[in-house]
Amino acid sequence: MKKIAILASGGGSNAESILKHFSLNKTISVSMVISNKKNAGVFDRAEKYNVPCLWLNDDALKKKILSNYLFKVKPDLIVLAGFLLKISSELIREFPRKIINIHPSLLPSYGGKGMFGDNVHKIVKKNGETQTGITIHYVNEEYDKGEIIFQKKVNISKNDSVNDISKKVQALEHLYYSRIIEKLLSIEKG
């Protein structure tokens, strides 16, 4: 059985989409959800699927408890789903090409520190873009600079609000993130 560890900081809609997708899968499962926020909504979502949760405060993360825990558990893939902390170089070295993230724009556009969620959508709208989308990429030492695995575009109009753009991008995230995770883990099996 292939194991996924999800790291999330917020409400967890992407995490829930992944949990639901793999809930009946016979070869891949979400084995844990980890958050740096004690009251993150992602914990409620994981509980519905009986997936163990772990909260690590920022101090614990700085002391490399996350690295030590993941090293013992050995997930086949670490999936960032709205995890807002930078991943340590040590963790990246311990899990090469095993940590992925989803970004709410077509990288390399609108990536970098502080570029997440509505922060991205506001700038996309302000700049009058006619398309935006998602990028799924490997995590490396720089924000949003890892090798791109998958991108999908969506058209937006000048009349779209930031909320409209967010909904269009989130629909792509929920449709494709689990599929790409499954594909990566299936290729690894082969």
N, C-alpha and C. Protein backbone atom coordinates (compact mmCIF):
# COMPACT_ATOMS: atom_id res chain seq x y z
N MET A 1 0.85 -1.19 0.00
CA MET A 1 0.00 0.00 0.00
C MET A 1 0.89 1.24 0.00
N LYS A 2 0.68 2.11 -0.96
CA LYS A 2 1.39 3.39 -1.02
C LYS A 2 0.76 4.35 -0.02
N LYS A 3 1.61 5.13 0.67
CA LYS A 3 1.14 6.03 1.71
C LYS A 3 1.38 7.49 1.32
N ILE A 4 0.35 8.30 1.56
CA ILE A 4 0.41 9.74 1.33
C ILE A 4 0.35 10.44 2.69
N ALA A 5 1.20 11.44 2.87
CA ALA A 5 1.11 12.34 4.02
C ALA A 5 0.69 13.70 3.47
N ILE A 6 -0.38 14.25 4.01
CA ILE A 6 -0.84 15.58 3.60
C ILE A 6 -0.43 16.60 4.64
N LEU A 7 0.17 17.70 4.19
CA LEU A 7 0.50 18.82 5.05
C LEU A 7 -0.39 19.98 4.64
N ALA A 8 -1.13 20.53 5.60
CA ALA A 8 -2.07 21.62 5.32
C ALA A 8 -2.09 22.59 6.49
N SER A 9 -2.35 23.86 6.18
CA SER A 9 -2.41 24.88 7.22
C SER A 9 -3.81 25.44 7.46
N GLY A 10 -4.73 25.18 6.55
CA GLY A 10 -6.01 25.86 6.64
C GLY A 10 -7.22 24.95 6.67
N GLY A 11 -8.23 25.38 5.93
CA GLY A 11 -9.52 24.71 5.92
C GLY A 11 -9.50 23.32 5.33
N GLY A 12 -8.65 23.11 4.35
CA GLY A 12 -8.44 21.77 3.84
C GLY A 12 -9.36 21.29 2.74
N SER A 13 -9.86 22.19 1.87
CA SER A 13 -10.74 21.70 0.80
C SER A 13 -9.97 20.82 -0.19
N ASN A 14 -8.73 21.17 -0.49
CA ASN A 14 -7.93 20.30 -1.37
C ASN A 14 -7.62 18.98 -0.66
N ALA A 15 -7.31 19.06 0.62
CA ALA A 15 -7.04 17.84 1.37
C ALA A 15 -8.26 16.92 1.37
N GLU A 16 -9.45 17.50 1.56
CA GLU A 16 -10.65 16.66 1.56
C GLU A 16 -10.88 16.03 0.20
N SER A 17 -10.61 16.76 -0.86
CA SER A 17 -10.76 16.20 -2.20
C SER A 17 -9.84 14.98 -2.36
N ILE A 18 -8.63 15.09 -1.84
CA ILE A 18 -7.67 13.98 -1.90
C ILE A 18 -8.13 12.83 -1.01
N LEU A 19 -8.56 13.14 0.20
CA LEU A 19 -9.06 12.11 1.12
C LEU A 19 -10.21 11.33 0.50
N LYS A 20 -11.14 12.04 -0.08
CA LYS A 20 -12.29 11.40 -0.72
C LYS A 20 -11.86 10.51 -1.88
N HIS A 21 -10.97 11.04 -2.72
CA HIS A 21 -10.51 10.30 -3.90
C HIS A 21 -9.89 8.96 -3.52
N PHE A 22 -9.08 8.96 -2.45
CA PHE A 22 -8.35 7.74 -2.09
C PHE A 22 -9.05 6.91 -1.00
N SER A 23 -10.23 7.33 -0.57
CA SER A 23 -10.88 6.63 0.54
C SER A 23 -11.21 5.17 0.24
N LEU A 24 -11.47 4.84 -1.00
CA LEU A 24 -11.79 3.46 -1.37
C LEU A 24 -10.71 2.80 -2.23
N ASN A 25 -9.58 3.46 -2.38
CA ASN A 25 -8.49 2.94 -3.20
C ASN A 25 -7.82 1.77 -2.47
N LYS A 26 -7.54 0.71 -3.18
CA LYS A 26 -6.96 -0.50 -2.58
C LYS A 26 -5.43 -0.48 -2.56
N THR A 27 -4.81 0.46 -3.28
CA THR A 27 -3.35 0.45 -3.37
C THR A 27 -2.69 1.74 -2.86
N ILE A 28 -3.49 2.80 -2.66
CA ILE A 28 -2.96 4.08 -2.20
C ILE A 28 -3.89 4.60 -1.11
N SER A 29 -3.29 5.09 -0.01
CA SER A 29 -4.12 5.66 1.05
C SER A 29 -3.45 6.91 1.64
N VAL A 30 -4.29 7.76 2.19
CA VAL A 30 -3.78 8.89 2.96
C VAL A 30 -3.57 8.35 4.37
N SER A 31 -2.33 8.34 4.80
CA SER A 31 -2.03 7.73 6.10
C SER A 31 -1.97 8.74 7.23
N MET A 32 -1.87 10.06 6.88
CA MET A 32 -1.83 11.06 7.94
C MET A 32 -2.05 12.45 7.36
N VAL A 33 -2.56 13.33 8.21
CA VAL A 33 -2.69 14.75 7.90
C VAL A 33 -1.95 15.49 9.00
N ILE A 34 -1.06 16.39 8.58
CA ILE A 34 -0.24 17.15 9.52
C ILE A 34 -0.49 18.63 9.27
N SER A 35 -0.64 19.39 10.35
CA SER A 35 -0.83 20.83 10.22
C SER A 35 0.01 21.58 11.24
N ASN A 36 0.35 22.80 10.88
CA ASN A 36 1.05 23.69 11.80
C ASN A 36 0.07 24.60 12.53
N LYS A 37 -1.23 24.42 12.30
CA LYS A 37 -2.27 25.22 12.96
C LYS A 37 -3.12 24.30 13.83
N LYS A 38 -3.17 24.59 15.11
CA LYS A 38 -3.88 23.73 16.06
C LYS A 38 -5.36 23.55 15.73
N ASN A 39 -6.00 24.59 15.27
CA ASN A 39 -7.44 24.53 14.99
C ASN A 39 -7.74 24.52 13.49
N ALA A 40 -6.84 24.01 12.70
CA ALA A 40 -7.04 23.98 11.25
C ALA A 40 -8.27 23.16 10.89
N GLY A 41 -9.06 23.67 9.98
CA GLY A 41 -10.25 22.98 9.51
C GLY A 41 -9.96 21.63 8.86
N VAL A 42 -8.74 21.47 8.40
CA VAL A 42 -8.36 20.22 7.75
C VAL A 42 -8.50 19.04 8.71
N PHE A 43 -8.35 19.27 10.02
CA PHE A 43 -8.48 18.17 10.97
C PHE A 43 -9.91 17.61 10.99
N ASP A 44 -10.90 18.50 10.92
CA ASP A 44 -12.30 18.03 10.87
C ASP A 44 -12.55 17.21 9.61
N ARG A 45 -11.98 17.65 8.52
CA ARG A 45 -12.17 16.92 7.25
C ARG A 45 -11.50 15.55 7.30
N ALA A 46 -10.30 15.48 7.87
CA ALA A 46 -9.59 14.21 7.96
C ALA A 46 -10.31 13.24 8.89
N GLU A 47 -10.90 13.78 9.95
CA GLU A 47 -11.63 12.95 10.92
C GLU A 47 -12.78 12.20 10.24
N LYS A 48 -13.44 12.84 9.28
CA LYS A 48 -14.55 12.19 8.55
C LYS A 48 -14.08 10.93 7.82
N TYR A 49 -12.79 10.87 7.49
CA TYR A 49 -12.24 9.73 6.76
C TYR A 49 -11.38 8.84 7.66
N ASN A 50 -11.46 9.08 8.96
CA ASN A 50 -10.71 8.30 9.95
C ASN A 50 -9.20 8.29 9.68
N VAL A 51 -8.67 9.42 9.26
CA VAL A 51 -7.25 9.55 8.99
C VAL A 51 -6.58 10.22 10.19
N PRO A 52 -5.52 9.64 10.72
CA PRO A 52 -4.83 10.23 11.87
C PRO A 52 -4.30 11.63 11.55
N CYS A 53 -4.34 12.49 12.57
CA CYS A 53 -3.89 13.87 12.42
C CYS A 53 -2.79 14.17 13.42
N LEU A 54 -1.94 15.10 13.04
CA LEU A 54 -0.85 15.52 13.91
C LEU A 54 -0.71 17.03 13.80
N TRP A 55 -0.70 17.70 14.95
CA TRP A 55 -0.44 19.13 14.99
C TRP A 55 0.96 19.35 15.51
N LEU A 56 1.73 20.12 14.78
CA LEU A 56 3.08 20.49 15.19
C LEU A 56 3.16 22.01 15.20
N ASN A 57 3.45 22.59 16.35
CA ASN A 57 3.56 24.04 16.39
C ASN A 57 4.87 24.48 15.71
N ASP A 58 4.99 25.77 15.48
CA ASP A 58 6.15 26.29 14.76
C ASP A 58 7.46 25.93 15.45
N ASP A 59 7.46 25.91 16.78
CA ASP A 59 8.66 25.55 17.51
C ASP A 59 9.05 24.09 17.23
N ALA A 60 8.06 23.23 17.21
CA ALA A 60 8.32 21.81 16.90
C ALA A 60 8.87 21.66 15.49
N LEU A 61 8.33 22.46 14.56
CA LEU A 61 8.81 22.39 13.18
C LEU A 61 10.26 22.84 13.09
N LYS A 62 10.60 23.88 13.83
CA LYS A 62 11.98 24.39 13.83
C LYS A 62 12.95 23.37 14.42
N LYS A 63 12.46 22.54 15.34
CA LYS A 63 13.32 21.53 15.96
C LYS A 63 13.38 20.25 15.14
N LYS A 64 12.89 20.30 13.95
CA LYS A 64 12.95 19.19 12.99
C LYS A 64 12.14 17.97 13.40
N ILE A 65 11.13 18.19 14.25
CA ILE A 65 10.28 17.08 14.64
C ILE A 65 9.51 16.55 13.44
N LEU A 66 9.08 17.44 12.54
CA LEU A 66 8.38 17.01 11.32
C LEU A 66 9.28 16.08 10.50
N SER A 67 10.51 16.48 10.29
CA SER A 67 11.45 15.65 9.52
C SER A 67 11.63 14.29 10.18
N ASN A 68 11.83 14.30 11.48
CA ASN A 68 12.03 13.04 12.20
C ASN A 68 10.79 12.14 12.10
N TYR A 69 9.63 12.73 12.26
CA TYR A 69 8.38 11.95 12.20
C TYR A 69 8.19 11.34 10.81
N LEU A 70 8.33 12.16 9.78
CA LEU A 70 8.14 11.66 8.42
C LEU A 70 9.20 10.63 8.05
N PHE A 71 10.40 10.81 8.55
CA PHE A 71 11.46 9.84 8.26
C PHE A 71 11.12 8.47 8.84
N LYS A 72 10.48 8.46 10.01
CA LYS A 72 10.07 7.18 10.63
C LYS A 72 8.89 6.55 9.89
N VAL A 73 7.93 7.38 9.49
CA VAL A 73 6.71 6.88 8.83
C VAL A 73 6.97 6.49 7.38
N LYS A 74 7.89 7.19 6.73
CA LYS A 74 8.27 6.93 5.34
C LYS A 74 7.10 6.94 4.35
N PRO A 75 6.41 8.08 4.23
CA PRO A 75 5.36 8.15 3.21
C PRO A 75 5.97 8.08 1.81
N ASP A 76 5.22 7.54 0.88
CA ASP A 76 5.68 7.47 -0.51
C ASP A 76 5.58 8.82 -1.20
N LEU A 77 4.68 9.68 -0.71
CA LEU A 77 4.52 11.00 -1.28
C LEU A 77 4.04 11.94 -0.18
N ILE A 78 4.65 13.12 -0.11
CA ILE A 78 4.23 14.17 0.82
C ILE A 78 3.54 15.22 -0.04
N VAL A 79 2.28 15.47 0.28
CA VAL A 79 1.44 16.35 -0.54
C VAL A 79 1.13 17.62 0.25
N LEU A 80 1.55 18.76 -0.27
CA LEU A 80 1.22 20.04 0.34
C LEU A 80 -0.13 20.48 -0.21
N ALA A 81 -1.05 20.74 0.69
CA ALA A 81 -2.39 21.16 0.30
C ALA A 81 -2.74 22.41 1.12
N GLY A 82 -2.17 23.53 0.69
CA GLY A 82 -2.38 24.75 1.45
C GLY A 82 -1.49 24.83 2.68
N PHE A 83 -0.32 24.22 2.62
CA PHE A 83 0.64 24.29 3.72
C PHE A 83 1.47 25.54 3.50
N LEU A 84 1.42 26.47 4.45
CA LEU A 84 1.97 27.81 4.23
C LEU A 84 3.37 28.03 4.78
N LEU A 85 3.99 26.99 5.29
CA LEU A 85 5.37 27.13 5.76
C LEU A 85 6.33 26.59 4.71
N LYS A 86 7.51 27.18 4.69
CA LYS A 86 8.53 26.70 3.76
C LYS A 86 9.05 25.35 4.23
N ILE A 87 9.22 24.44 3.30
CA ILE A 87 9.73 23.11 3.61
C ILE A 87 11.25 23.20 3.77
N SER A 88 11.77 22.56 4.79
CA SER A 88 13.21 22.65 5.07
C SER A 88 14.03 21.92 4.00
N SER A 89 15.24 22.41 3.81
CA SER A 89 16.17 21.76 2.88
C SER A 89 16.44 20.33 3.30
N GLU A 90 16.50 20.11 4.62
CA GLU A 90 16.74 18.77 5.14
C GLU A 90 15.63 17.80 4.70
N LEU A 91 14.38 18.24 4.83
CA LEU A 91 13.26 17.38 4.44
C LEU A 91 13.28 17.11 2.94
N ILE A 92 13.62 18.11 2.16
CA ILE A 92 13.71 17.95 0.70
C ILE A 92 14.80 16.94 0.35
N ARG A 93 15.92 17.00 1.06
CA ARG A 93 17.00 16.02 0.81
C ARG A 93 16.59 14.62 1.23
N GLU A 94 15.84 14.50 2.33
CA GLU A 94 15.42 13.18 2.82
C GLU A 94 14.36 12.54 1.91
N PHE A 95 13.58 13.38 1.23
CA PHE A 95 12.50 12.88 0.37
C PHE A 95 12.62 13.50 -1.03
N PRO A 96 13.70 13.17 -1.75
CA PRO A 96 13.87 13.77 -3.08
C PRO A 96 12.77 13.33 -4.04
N ARG A 97 12.18 14.32 -4.72
CA ARG A 97 11.09 14.08 -5.69
C ARG A 97 9.92 13.33 -5.06
N LYS A 98 9.72 13.55 -3.77
CA LYS A 98 8.61 12.91 -3.05
C LYS A 98 7.72 13.95 -2.37
N ILE A 99 7.99 15.23 -2.60
CA ILE A 99 7.18 16.30 -2.00
C ILE A 99 6.63 17.13 -3.16
N ILE A 100 5.29 17.25 -3.20
CA ILE A 100 4.67 18.03 -4.27
C ILE A 100 3.77 19.10 -3.68
N ASN A 101 3.51 20.10 -4.49
CA ASN A 101 2.66 21.22 -4.09
C ASN A 101 1.76 21.58 -5.26
N ILE A 102 0.64 22.21 -4.95
CA ILE A 102 -0.24 22.76 -5.98
C ILE A 102 -0.27 24.27 -5.78
N HIS A 103 -0.13 25.00 -6.89
CA HIS A 103 -0.09 26.45 -6.83
C HIS A 103 -1.23 27.02 -7.68
N PRO A 104 -1.91 28.07 -7.20
CA PRO A 104 -3.08 28.60 -7.91
C PRO A 104 -2.76 29.61 -9.01
N SER A 105 -1.73 29.31 -9.79
CA SER A 105 -1.45 30.10 -10.99
C SER A 105 -0.62 29.24 -11.93
N LEU A 106 -0.41 29.78 -13.10
CA LEU A 106 0.42 29.09 -14.08
C LEU A 106 1.86 29.54 -13.87
N LEU A 107 2.57 28.79 -13.04
CA LEU A 107 3.97 29.14 -12.76
C LEU A 107 4.76 29.11 -14.07
N PRO A 108 5.74 29.97 -14.23
CA PRO A 108 6.39 30.75 -13.20
C PRO A 108 5.68 32.06 -12.83
N SER A 109 4.59 32.38 -13.46
CA SER A 109 3.87 33.61 -13.12
C SER A 109 3.24 33.51 -11.74
N TYR A 110 3.36 34.57 -10.98
CA TYR A 110 2.67 34.75 -9.71
C TYR A 110 3.04 33.71 -8.65
N GLY A 111 4.31 33.34 -8.63
CA GLY A 111 4.81 32.45 -7.59
C GLY A 111 5.67 33.22 -6.62
N GLY A 112 6.11 32.56 -5.58
CA GLY A 112 7.04 33.15 -4.62
C GLY A 112 6.43 33.29 -3.24
N LYS A 113 7.25 33.79 -2.32
CA LYS A 113 6.83 33.95 -0.94
C LYS A 113 5.60 34.85 -0.85
N GLY A 114 4.61 34.41 -0.10
CA GLY A 114 3.39 35.19 0.09
C GLY A 114 2.37 35.06 -1.03
N MET A 115 2.72 34.32 -2.06
CA MET A 115 1.81 34.16 -3.20
C MET A 115 1.02 32.87 -3.03
N PHE A 116 -0.15 33.00 -2.42
CA PHE A 116 -1.05 31.86 -2.22
C PHE A 116 -2.47 32.40 -2.22
N GLY A 117 -3.41 31.52 -2.54
CA GLY A 117 -4.83 31.85 -2.46
C GLY A 117 -5.21 33.14 -3.14
N ASP A 118 -6.02 33.94 -2.44
CA ASP A 118 -6.52 35.19 -3.01
C ASP A 118 -5.42 36.19 -3.31
N ASN A 119 -4.27 36.08 -2.65
CA ASN A 119 -3.16 36.97 -2.99
C ASN A 119 -2.81 36.83 -4.47
N VAL A 120 -2.82 35.60 -4.95
CA VAL A 120 -2.54 35.34 -6.36
C VAL A 120 -3.69 35.85 -7.23
N HIS A 121 -4.91 35.51 -6.86
CA HIS A 121 -6.07 35.86 -7.70
C HIS A 121 -6.24 37.37 -7.83
N LYS A 122 -5.93 38.11 -6.77
CA LYS A 122 -6.04 39.57 -6.83
C LYS A 122 -5.07 40.16 -7.85
N ILE A 123 -3.86 39.64 -7.88
CA ILE A 123 -2.87 40.16 -8.83
C ILE A 123 -3.21 39.73 -10.25
N VAL A 124 -3.69 38.51 -10.41
CA VAL A 124 -4.13 38.04 -11.73
C VAL A 124 -5.21 38.98 -12.27
N LYS A 125 -6.18 39.32 -11.43
CA LYS A 125 -7.25 40.23 -11.85
C LYS A 125 -6.71 41.63 -12.13
N LYS A 126 -5.91 42.14 -11.24
CA LYS A 126 -5.34 43.49 -11.39
C LYS A 126 -4.56 43.61 -12.70
N ASN A 127 -3.87 42.56 -13.08
CA ASN A 127 -3.06 42.59 -14.30
C ASN A 127 -3.86 42.30 -15.56
N GLY A 128 -5.16 42.06 -15.43
CA GLY A 128 -6.01 41.86 -16.59
C GLY A 128 -5.74 40.58 -17.36
N GLU A 129 -5.30 39.56 -16.66
CA GLU A 129 -5.04 38.27 -17.33
C GLU A 129 -6.34 37.71 -17.90
N THR A 130 -6.22 37.00 -19.00
CA THR A 130 -7.38 36.33 -19.61
C THR A 130 -7.39 34.84 -19.31
N GLN A 131 -6.29 34.35 -18.75
CA GLN A 131 -6.20 32.95 -18.34
C GLN A 131 -5.44 32.88 -17.02
N THR A 132 -5.79 31.90 -16.25
CA THR A 132 -5.03 31.53 -15.07
C THR A 132 -5.11 30.02 -14.98
N GLY A 133 -4.79 29.45 -13.85
CA GLY A 133 -4.88 28.00 -13.75
C GLY A 133 -4.16 27.47 -12.54
N ILE A 134 -3.72 26.23 -12.66
CA ILE A 134 -3.02 25.55 -11.57
C ILE A 134 -1.71 25.00 -12.08
N THR A 135 -0.78 24.88 -11.15
CA THR A 135 0.49 24.21 -11.41
C THR A 135 0.75 23.24 -10.27
N ILE A 136 1.00 22.00 -10.62
CA ILE A 136 1.44 21.00 -9.65
C ILE A 136 2.92 20.80 -9.90
N HIS A 137 3.72 20.92 -8.83
CA HIS A 137 5.17 20.88 -9.02
C HIS A 137 5.86 20.19 -7.84
N TYR A 138 7.06 19.70 -8.11
CA TYR A 138 7.89 19.19 -7.03
C TYR A 138 8.37 20.37 -6.20
N VAL A 139 8.57 20.12 -4.93
CA VAL A 139 9.05 21.16 -4.02
C VAL A 139 10.58 21.09 -3.97
N ASN A 140 11.18 22.28 -4.12
CA ASN A 140 12.62 22.39 -3.91
C ASN A 140 12.88 23.49 -2.90
N GLU A 141 14.11 23.96 -2.79
CA GLU A 141 14.47 24.93 -1.75
C GLU A 141 13.91 26.32 -1.99
N GLU A 142 13.41 26.62 -3.17
CA GLU A 142 12.87 27.94 -3.47
C GLU A 142 11.36 27.87 -3.65
N TYR A 143 10.66 28.90 -3.14
CA TYR A 143 9.21 28.93 -3.28
C TYR A 143 8.80 28.82 -4.75
N ASP A 144 7.99 27.82 -5.07
CA ASP A 144 7.34 27.68 -6.37
C ASP A 144 8.30 27.59 -7.54
N LYS A 145 9.50 27.07 -7.30
CA LYS A 145 10.50 26.96 -8.37
C LYS A 145 10.82 25.52 -8.74
N GLY A 146 10.15 24.57 -8.10
CA GLY A 146 10.44 23.16 -8.39
C GLY A 146 9.93 22.75 -9.76
N GLU A 147 10.43 21.64 -10.23
CA GLU A 147 10.08 21.11 -11.55
C GLU A 147 8.56 20.97 -11.68
N ILE A 148 8.03 21.48 -12.77
CA ILE A 148 6.60 21.42 -13.03
C ILE A 148 6.21 20.01 -13.47
N ILE A 149 5.18 19.48 -12.84
CA ILE A 149 4.64 18.16 -13.16
C ILE A 149 3.44 18.29 -14.09
N PHE A 150 2.57 19.29 -13.81
CA PHE A 150 1.31 19.41 -14.54
C PHE A 150 0.79 20.84 -14.42
N GLN A 151 0.21 21.32 -15.53
CA GLN A 151 -0.48 22.61 -15.50
C GLN A 151 -1.80 22.48 -16.25
N LYS A 152 -2.78 23.25 -15.81
CA LYS A 152 -4.07 23.30 -16.49
C LYS A 152 -4.56 24.74 -16.45
N LYS A 153 -5.02 25.23 -17.61
CA LYS A 153 -5.48 26.61 -17.74
C LYS A 153 -6.99 26.69 -17.65
N VAL A 154 -7.44 27.89 -17.27
CA VAL A 154 -8.86 28.22 -17.30
C VAL A 154 -8.99 29.66 -17.77
N ASN A 155 -9.99 29.92 -18.59
CA ASN A 155 -10.22 31.28 -19.07
C ASN A 155 -10.93 32.10 -18.00
N ILE A 156 -10.54 33.36 -17.92
CA ILE A 156 -11.22 34.30 -17.02
C ILE A 156 -11.52 35.57 -17.82
N SER A 157 -12.53 36.28 -17.38
CA SER A 157 -12.91 37.51 -18.07
C SER A 157 -12.68 38.71 -17.16
N LYS A 158 -12.69 39.88 -17.75
CA LYS A 158 -12.49 41.11 -16.97
C LYS A 158 -13.63 41.32 -15.98
N ASN A 159 -14.76 40.68 -16.21
CA ASN A 159 -15.90 40.80 -15.30
C ASN A 159 -15.84 39.83 -14.13
N ASP A 160 -14.93 38.87 -14.19
CA ASP A 160 -14.78 37.91 -13.09
C ASP A 160 -14.24 38.62 -11.86
N SER A 161 -14.88 38.38 -10.72
CA SER A 161 -14.37 38.90 -9.45
C SER A 161 -13.24 38.00 -8.96
N VAL A 162 -12.56 38.44 -7.92
CA VAL A 162 -11.52 37.60 -7.31
C VAL A 162 -12.15 36.29 -6.83
N ASN A 163 -13.35 36.35 -6.29
CA ASN A 163 -14.05 35.15 -5.84
C ASN A 163 -14.37 34.22 -7.02
N ASP A 164 -14.78 34.80 -8.16
CA ASP A 164 -15.05 33.99 -9.35
C ASP A 164 -13.79 33.27 -9.81
N ILE A 165 -12.68 34.01 -9.83
CA ILE A 165 -11.40 33.42 -10.24
C ILE A 165 -11.02 32.30 -9.28
N SER A 166 -11.17 32.56 -7.99
CA SER A 166 -10.86 31.56 -6.98
C SER A 166 -11.66 30.28 -7.19
N LYS A 167 -12.95 30.42 -7.46
CA LYS A 167 -13.80 29.24 -7.67
C LYS A 167 -13.37 28.45 -8.90
N LYS A 168 -13.02 29.15 -9.98
CA LYS A 168 -12.57 28.46 -11.20
C LYS A 168 -11.27 27.69 -10.95
N VAL A 169 -10.35 28.33 -10.24
CA VAL A 169 -9.07 27.68 -9.96
C VAL A 169 -9.27 26.51 -9.00
N GLN A 170 -10.10 26.71 -7.98
CA GLN A 170 -10.34 25.63 -7.02
C GLN A 170 -11.00 24.42 -7.70
N ALA A 171 -11.87 24.66 -8.65
CA ALA A 171 -12.48 23.54 -9.38
C ALA A 171 -11.40 22.72 -10.09
N LEU A 172 -10.42 23.39 -10.67
CA LEU A 172 -9.32 22.68 -11.32
C LEU A 172 -8.49 21.90 -10.29
N GLU A 173 -8.23 22.54 -9.16
CA GLU A 173 -7.45 21.87 -8.11
C GLU A 173 -8.12 20.57 -7.68
N HIS A 174 -9.41 20.65 -7.41
CA HIS A 174 -10.14 19.47 -6.93
C HIS A 174 -10.25 18.39 -8.01
N LEU A 175 -10.30 18.80 -9.25
CA LEU A 175 -10.42 17.84 -10.35
C LEU A 175 -9.10 17.12 -10.64
N TYR A 176 -7.98 17.85 -10.55
CA TYR A 176 -6.73 17.29 -11.05
C TYR A 176 -5.71 16.86 -9.99
N TYR A 177 -5.70 17.44 -8.81
CA TYR A 177 -4.63 17.13 -7.87
C TYR A 177 -4.59 15.64 -7.52
N SER A 178 -5.73 15.07 -7.18
CA SER A 178 -5.77 13.64 -6.82
C SER A 178 -5.36 12.77 -7.99
N ARG A 179 -5.79 13.13 -9.18
CA ARG A 179 -5.43 12.34 -10.37
C ARG A 179 -3.92 12.32 -10.59
N ILE A 180 -3.29 13.47 -10.41
CA ILE A 180 -1.84 13.55 -10.61
C ILE A 180 -1.12 12.78 -9.51
N ILE A 181 -1.59 12.88 -8.28
CA ILE A 181 -1.01 12.11 -7.18
C ILE A 181 -1.07 10.62 -7.50
N GLU A 182 -2.25 10.17 -7.93
CA GLU A 182 -2.42 8.76 -8.27
C GLU A 182 -1.49 8.34 -9.40
N LYS A 183 -1.37 9.18 -10.39
CA LYS A 183 -0.49 8.88 -11.54
C LYS A 183 0.96 8.78 -11.08
N LEU A 184 1.41 9.72 -10.25
CA LEU A 184 2.79 9.68 -9.76
C LEU A 184 3.06 8.40 -8.97
N LEU A 185 2.15 8.01 -8.11
CA LEU A 185 2.35 6.82 -7.30
C LEU A 185 2.21 5.54 -8.12
N SER A 186 1.42 5.57 -9.16
CA SER A 186 1.27 4.40 -10.03
C SER A 186 2.51 4.22 -10.91
N ILE A 187 3.07 5.33 -11.38
CA ILE A 187 4.31 5.26 -12.18
C ILE A 187 5.42 4.69 -11.32
N GLU A 188 5.47 5.12 -10.07
CA GLU A 188 6.50 4.67 -9.14
C GLU A 188 6.43 3.15 -8.94
N LYS A 189 5.21 2.60 -8.96
CA LYS A 189 5.03 1.15 -8.78
C LYS A 189 5.63 0.38 -9.93
N GLY A 190 5.40 0.95 -11.16
CA GLY A 190 5.73 0.25 -12.38
C GLY A 190 7.18 0.02 -12.56
